Amino acid sequence: MTISPEQLTEAASILGESPTVRAAAAVIRERFAPLRALVLDTFDLRGEQPAVQVGTDRAIYLMSTDGHCWTVTNEPQRASAFVLTQN
């Protein structure tokens, strides 16, 4: 399953409106099942560009997989997981 641009926009809205990134991840998991939504420390994604910056301190990165390894992508059509961060 891939992420559509509309899903990315909606996920950004959910992240922006949620009290915490963990709460946002729970809503995104439920809303977009079977896509994954993870919360990682921003440090873990240093050097990567987020797909969407939400406000000044939250971001969404997209991840793709070949079935074994995960990589960051900015192409929603290749992605199968959201990664949420907060500074």
C-alpha atoms as a PDB file:
ATOM      1  CA  MET A   1       0.000   0.000   0.000  1.00  0.00           C
ATOM      2  CA  THR A   2       1.235   3.504  -0.781  1.00  0.00           C
ATOM      3  CA  ILE A   3       0.496   6.913   0.693  1.00  0.00           C
ATOM      4  CA  SER A   4      -1.501   9.347  -1.404  1.00  0.00           C
ATOM      5  CA  PRO A   5      -0.839  13.099  -1.350  1.00  0.00           C
ATOM      6  CA  GLU A   6      -4.276  13.512   0.255  1.00  0.00           C
ATOM      7  CA  GLN A   7      -3.368  11.091   3.040  1.00  0.00           C
ATOM      8  CA  LEU A   8      -0.124  12.981   3.649  1.00  0.00           C
ATOM      9  CA  THR A   9      -2.047  16.259   3.890  1.00  0.00           C
ATOM     10  CA  GLU A  10      -4.559  14.711   6.290  1.00  0.00           C
ATOM     11  CA  ALA A  11      -1.789  13.161   8.404  1.00  0.00           C
ATOM     12  CA  ALA A  12      -0.115  16.579   8.669  1.00  0.00           C
ATOM     13  CA  SER A  13      -3.412  18.066   9.831  1.00  0.00           C
ATOM     14  CA  ILE A  14      -3.819  15.319  12.438  1.00  0.00           C
ATOM     15  CA  LEU A  15      -0.269  15.881  13.668  1.00  0.00           C
ATOM     16  CA  GLY A  16      -0.817  19.613  13.928  1.00  0.00           C
ATOM     17  CA  GLU A  17      -4.076  19.261  15.860  1.00  0.00           C
ATOM     18  CA  SER A  18      -3.050  16.466  18.245  1.00  0.00           C
ATOM     19  CA  PRO A  19      -1.840  17.214  21.769  1.00  0.00           C
ATOM     20  CA  THR A  20       1.164  14.881  21.352  1.00  0.00           C
ATOM     21  CA  VAL A  21       2.932  13.089  18.519  1.00  0.00           C
ATOM     22  CA  ARG A  22       2.053   9.751  20.121  1.00  0.00           C
ATOM     23  CA  ALA A  23      -1.639  10.695  20.075  1.00  0.00           C
ATOM     24  CA  ALA A  24      -1.284  11.704  16.421  1.00  0.00           C
ATOM     25  CA  ALA A  25       0.382   8.381  15.572  1.00  0.00           C
ATOM     26  CA  ALA A  26      -2.511   6.482  17.161  1.00  0.00           C
ATOM     27  CA  VAL A  27      -5.073   8.412  15.121  1.00  0.00           C
ATOM     28  CA  ILE A  28      -3.066   8.019  11.913  1.00  0.00           C
ATOM     29  CA  ARG A  29      -2.678   4.252  12.494  1.00  0.00           C
ATOM     30  CA  GLU A  30      -6.423   3.897  12.949  1.00  0.00           C
ATOM     31  CA  ARG A  31      -7.349   6.195  10.067  1.00  0.00           C
ATOM     32  CA  PHE A  32      -4.924   4.775   7.501  1.00  0.00           C
ATOM     33  CA  ALA A  33      -4.624   1.093   8.453  1.00  0.00           C
ATOM     34  CA  PRO A  34      -2.743  -0.956   7.294  1.00  0.00           C
ATOM     35  CA  LEU A  35      -0.157   1.835   6.841  1.00  0.00           C
ATOM     36  CA  ARG A  36       2.276   2.192   9.713  1.00  0.00           C
ATOM     37  CA  ALA A  37       2.808   5.281  11.850  1.00  0.00           C
ATOM     38  CA  LEU A  38       5.874   5.468  14.075  1.00  0.00           C
ATOM     39  CA  VAL A  39       7.260   8.059  16.465  1.00  0.00           C
ATOM     40  CA  LEU A  40      11.017   8.563  16.377  1.00  0.00           C
ATOM     41  CA  ASP A  41      13.416  11.042  17.882  1.00  0.00           C
ATOM     42  CA  THR A  42      14.418  13.800  15.473  1.00  0.00           C
ATOM     43  CA  PHE A  43      18.056  12.847  16.111  1.00  0.00           C
ATOM     44  CA  ASP A  44      17.417   9.464  14.466  1.00  0.00           C
ATOM     45  CA  LEU A  45      16.520  11.245  11.227  1.00  0.00           C
ATOM     46  CA  ARG A  46      19.329  13.802  11.194  1.00  0.00           C
ATOM     47  CA  GLY A  47      20.438  14.572   7.687  1.00  0.00           C
ATOM     48  CA  GLU A  48      17.061  13.613   6.213  1.00  0.00           C
ATOM     49  CA  GLN A  49      14.451  16.024   4.846  1.00  0.00           C
ATOM     50  CA  PRO A  50      10.903  15.699   6.159  1.00  0.00           C
ATOM     51  CA  ALA A  51       8.095  15.245   3.652  1.00  0.00           C
ATOM     52  CA  VAL A  52       6.078  17.787   5.643  1.00  0.00           C
ATOM     53  CA  GLN A  53       7.063  20.251   8.342  1.00  0.00           C
ATOM     54  CA  VAL A  54       4.173  20.842  10.759  1.00  0.00           C
ATOM     55  CA  GLY A  55       4.575  24.050  12.712  1.00  0.00           C
ATOM     56  CA  THR A  56       8.005  24.805  14.069  1.00  0.00           C
ATOM     57  CA  ASP A  57       8.680  21.594  15.959  1.00  0.00           C
ATOM     58  CA  ARG A  58       6.855  18.656  14.363  1.00  0.00           C
ATOM     59  CA  ALA A  59       7.483  16.825  11.100  1.00  0.00           C
ATOM     60  CA  ILE A  60       6.417  13.829   9.058  1.00  0.00           C
ATOM     61  CA  TYR A  61       8.939  11.678   7.248  1.00  0.00           C
ATOM     62  CA  LEU A  62       7.908   8.938   4.832  1.00  0.00           C
ATOM     63  CA  MET A  63       9.451   5.488   4.789  1.00  0.00           C
ATOM     64  CA  SER A  64       9.544   2.881   2.050  1.00  0.00           C
ATOM     65  CA  THR A  65      10.571  -0.739   2.279  1.00  0.00           C
ATOM     66  CA  ASP A  66      11.765  -3.443  -0.043  1.00  0.00           C
ATOM     67  CA  GLY A  67      10.417  -6.024   2.396  1.00  0.00           C
ATOM     68  CA  HIS A  68      13.610  -6.110   4.401  1.00  0.00           C
ATOM     69  CA  CYS A  69      15.218  -2.654   4.695  1.00  0.00           C
ATOM     70  CA  TRP A  70      13.499   0.667   5.407  1.00  0.00           C
ATOM     71  CA  THR A  71      14.571   3.934   3.788  1.00  0.00           C
ATOM     72  CA  VAL A  72      13.400   7.534   3.989  1.00  0.00           C
ATOM     73  CA  THR A  73      11.651   8.788   0.853  1.00  0.00           C
ATOM     74  CA  ASN A  74       9.954  12.018  -0.137  1.00  0.00           C
ATOM     75  CA  GLU A  75       7.815  10.186  -2.680  1.00  0.00           C
ATOM     76  CA  PRO A  76       4.424   9.322  -1.159  1.00  0.00           C
ATOM     77  CA  GLN A  77       3.716   6.787  -3.923  1.00  0.00           C
ATOM     78  CA  ARG A  78       6.732   4.749  -2.713  1.00  0.00           C
ATOM     79  CA  ALA A  79       5.997   5.103   1.012  1.00  0.00           C
ATOM     80  CA  SER A  80       4.233   2.666   3.301  1.00  0.00           C
ATOM     81  CA  ALA A  81       4.858   4.300   6.681  1.00  0.00           C
ATOM     82  CA  PHE A  82       4.652   7.682   8.375  1.00  0.00           C
ATOM     83  CA  VAL A  83       7.353   8.655  10.863  1.00  0.00           C
ATOM     84  CA  LEU A  84       6.385  11.471  13.212  1.00  0.00           C
ATOM     85  CA  THR A  85       8.895  13.586  15.101  1.00  0.00           C
ATOM     86  CA  GLN A  86       8.913  16.501  17.513  1.00  0.00           C
ATOM     87  CA  ASN A  87      11.872  18.648  18.499  1.00  0.00           C
END
